Structures are given as structure tokens and as C-alpha cells.
Amino acid sequence: MLPKKSAPKRSALYGYSHRRLRKRNMKGSWITAMNAGLRPYGLTYSFFMARLRTRGIILNRKMIVELILREPFTFRQLLLSLLK
């Protein structure tokens, strides 16, 4: 049994770990959304991310998902530039 801790200390510990957990969950949902947005073009997440890295394009996963959802034409242009 763990020793009894004060509420503020315990909340600080849980807050720290849950912030990390929330980031991990969001990253997973972004990857899922990207994969769903790439499948109609016959691409996978890993292939797409590798192409971004080799071309030196720096976009985080959140921004890529925003492109997929809000700017499909711009996203398609990005895909075409990666496939050249």
C-alpha cells in the first residue's frame, strides 16, 4: 500500500501523467485521421511521412489533419508534389 499523500501533491502527479497521456491519445487520433485521408489515394501513413521527411517538408500531424479536413484541394496538391 502506498503512503498517504496530500491531495495537491497527488493531483500534481496525476496531472503530469495525464497531460502526457492526452498528448499520446491525440497523436494516435491524428495518425488514424491521416491514414483515413490517405487511403482514397492509395497511400499509407508510413509512406506519406517518409516522403515528407525525404523532401524536407516540415508539417506536424495536427496541421496535416487540418489540411485533410478543411483544405482538401491544398492537401491534394501536397500529395501530388510528394509523388513527383
C-alpha atoms as a PDB file:
ATOM      1  CA  MET A   1       0.000   0.000   0.000  1.00  0.00           C
ATOM      2  CA  LEU A   2       1.301   3.408  -0.918  1.00  0.00           C
ATOM      3  CA  PRO A   3       1.766   6.031   1.777  1.00  0.00           C
ATOM      4  CA  LYS A   4      -0.987   8.577   2.106  1.00  0.00           C
ATOM      5  CA  LYS A   5      -0.278  11.754   0.141  1.00  0.00           C
ATOM      6  CA  SER A   6      -1.810  15.143   0.328  1.00  0.00           C
ATOM      7  CA  ALA A   7      -4.409  15.998  -2.309  1.00  0.00           C
ATOM      8  CA  PRO A   8      -2.390  18.788  -4.016  1.00  0.00           C
ATOM      9  CA  LYS A   9       0.662  16.577  -4.348  1.00  0.00           C
ATOM     10  CA  ARG A  10      -1.386  13.674  -5.679  1.00  0.00           C
ATOM     11  CA  SER A  11      -3.218  15.919  -8.135  1.00  0.00           C
ATOM     12  CA  ALA A  12       0.100  17.313  -9.379  1.00  0.00           C
ATOM     13  CA  LEU A  13       1.381  13.785 -10.012  1.00  0.00           C
ATOM     14  CA  TYR A  14      -1.761  12.690 -11.829  1.00  0.00           C
ATOM     15  CA  GLY A  15      -1.926  15.955 -13.738  1.00  0.00           C
ATOM     16  CA  TYR A  16       1.593  15.435 -15.058  1.00  0.00           C
ATOM     17  CA  SER A  17       0.967  11.874 -16.227  1.00  0.00           C
ATOM     18  CA  HIS A  18      -2.462  12.667 -17.665  1.00  0.00           C
ATOM     19  CA  ARG A  19      -1.095  15.544 -19.725  1.00  0.00           C
ATOM     20  CA  ARG A  20       1.339  13.078 -21.293  1.00  0.00           C
ATOM     21  CA  LEU A  21      -1.449  10.565 -21.801  1.00  0.00           C
ATOM     22  CA  ARG A  22      -3.654  13.172 -23.520  1.00  0.00           C
ATOM     23  CA  LYS A  23      -0.818  14.015 -25.932  1.00  0.00           C
ATOM     24  CA  ARG A  24      -0.339  10.330 -26.710  1.00  0.00           C
ATOM     25  CA  ASN A  25      -4.063   9.854 -27.378  1.00  0.00           C
ATOM     26  CA  MET A  26      -4.220  12.900 -29.640  1.00  0.00           C
ATOM     27  CA  LYS A  27      -1.222  11.708 -31.640  1.00  0.00           C
ATOM     28  CA  GLY A  28      -2.982   8.368 -32.176  1.00  0.00           C
ATOM     29  CA  SER A  29      -6.162  10.038 -33.359  1.00  0.00           C
ATOM     30  CA  TRP A  30      -4.206  12.281 -35.752  1.00  0.00           C
ATOM     31  CA  ILE A  31      -2.440   9.242 -37.218  1.00  0.00           C
ATOM     32  CA  THR A  32      -5.790   7.470 -37.659  1.00  0.00           C
ATOM     33  CA  ALA A  33      -7.314  10.511 -39.369  1.00  0.00           C
ATOM     34  CA  MET A  34      -4.288  10.886 -41.648  1.00  0.00           C
ATOM     35  CA  ASN A  35      -4.420   7.239 -42.613  1.00  0.00           C
ATOM     36  CA  ALA A  36      -8.133   7.559 -43.407  1.00  0.00           C
ATOM     37  CA  GLY A  37      -7.453  10.650 -45.514  1.00  0.00           C
ATOM     38  CA  LEU A  38      -4.616   8.978 -47.400  1.00  0.00           C
ATOM     39  CA  ARG A  39      -6.344   5.680 -48.200  1.00  0.00           C
ATOM     40  CA  PRO A  40      -8.508   7.062 -51.045  1.00  0.00           C
ATOM     41  CA  TYR A  41      -5.253   7.994 -52.795  1.00  0.00           C
ATOM     42  CA  GLY A  42      -3.806   4.519 -52.286  1.00  0.00           C
ATOM     43  CA  LEU A  43      -1.188   5.714 -49.787  1.00  0.00           C
ATOM     44  CA  THR A  44      -0.353   4.734 -46.251  1.00  0.00           C
ATOM     45  CA  TYR A  45       0.628   6.857 -43.282  1.00  0.00           C
ATOM     46  CA  SER A  46       4.165   5.496 -43.120  1.00  0.00           C
ATOM     47  CA  PHE A  47       4.833   6.064 -46.833  1.00  0.00           C
ATOM     48  CA  PHE A  48       3.461   9.610 -46.619  1.00  0.00           C
ATOM     49  CA  MET A  49       5.519  10.532 -43.554  1.00  0.00           C
ATOM     50  CA  ALA A  50       8.669   9.072 -45.105  1.00  0.00           C
ATOM     51  CA  ARG A  51       8.123  11.140 -48.262  1.00  0.00           C
ATOM     52  CA  LEU A  52       7.596  14.293 -46.204  1.00  0.00           C
ATOM     53  CA  ARG A  53      10.877  13.668 -44.394  1.00  0.00           C
ATOM     54  CA  THR A  54      12.884  12.963 -47.540  1.00  0.00           C
ATOM     55  CA  ARG A  55      11.528  16.097 -49.240  1.00  0.00           C
ATOM     56  CA  GLY A  56      12.297  18.219 -46.188  1.00  0.00           C
ATOM     57  CA  ILE A  57       8.694  19.316 -45.678  1.00  0.00           C
ATOM     58  CA  ILE A  58       8.078  20.157 -42.038  1.00  0.00           C
ATOM     59  CA  LEU A  59       4.422  19.789 -41.085  1.00  0.00           C
ATOM     60  CA  ASN A  60       3.186  18.336 -37.839  1.00  0.00           C
ATOM     61  CA  ARG A  61       0.448  15.725 -37.734  1.00  0.00           C
ATOM     62  CA  LYS A  62      -2.156  18.146 -36.414  1.00  0.00           C
ATOM     63  CA  MET A  63      -1.665  20.535 -39.336  1.00  0.00           C
ATOM     64  CA  ILE A  64      -1.785  17.710 -41.862  1.00  0.00           C
ATOM     65  CA  VAL A  65      -5.136  16.558 -40.445  1.00  0.00           C
ATOM     66  CA  GLU A  66      -6.401  20.154 -40.621  1.00  0.00           C
ATOM     67  CA  LEU A  67      -5.396  20.216 -44.308  1.00  0.00           C
ATOM     68  CA  ILE A  68      -7.206  16.951 -44.952  1.00  0.00           C
ATOM     69  CA  LEU A  69     -10.407  18.144 -43.281  1.00  0.00           C
ATOM     70  CA  ARG A  70     -10.534  21.842 -44.180  1.00  0.00           C
ATOM     71  CA  GLU A  71      -8.411  22.224 -47.327  1.00  0.00           C
ATOM     72  CA  PRO A  72      -8.746  19.055 -49.429  1.00  0.00           C
ATOM     73  CA  PHE A  73      -7.528  20.792 -52.601  1.00  0.00           C
ATOM     74  CA  THR A  74      -4.357  22.015 -50.885  1.00  0.00           C
ATOM     75  CA  PHE A  75      -3.814  18.546 -49.431  1.00  0.00           C
ATOM     76  CA  ARG A  76      -4.178  17.006 -52.880  1.00  0.00           C
ATOM     77  CA  GLN A  77      -1.572  19.448 -54.237  1.00  0.00           C
ATOM     78  CA  LEU A  78       0.757  18.419 -51.403  1.00  0.00           C
ATOM     79  CA  LEU A  79       0.264  14.764 -52.316  1.00  0.00           C
ATOM     80  CA  LEU A  80       0.946  15.434 -55.986  1.00  0.00           C
ATOM     81  CA  SER A  81       4.156  17.281 -55.112  1.00  0.00           C
ATOM     82  CA  LEU A  82       5.292  14.350 -52.979  1.00  0.00           C
ATOM     83  CA  LEU A  83       4.601  11.777 -55.685  1.00  0.00           C
ATOM     84  CA  LYS A  84       6.610  13.556 -58.408  1.00  0.00           C
END
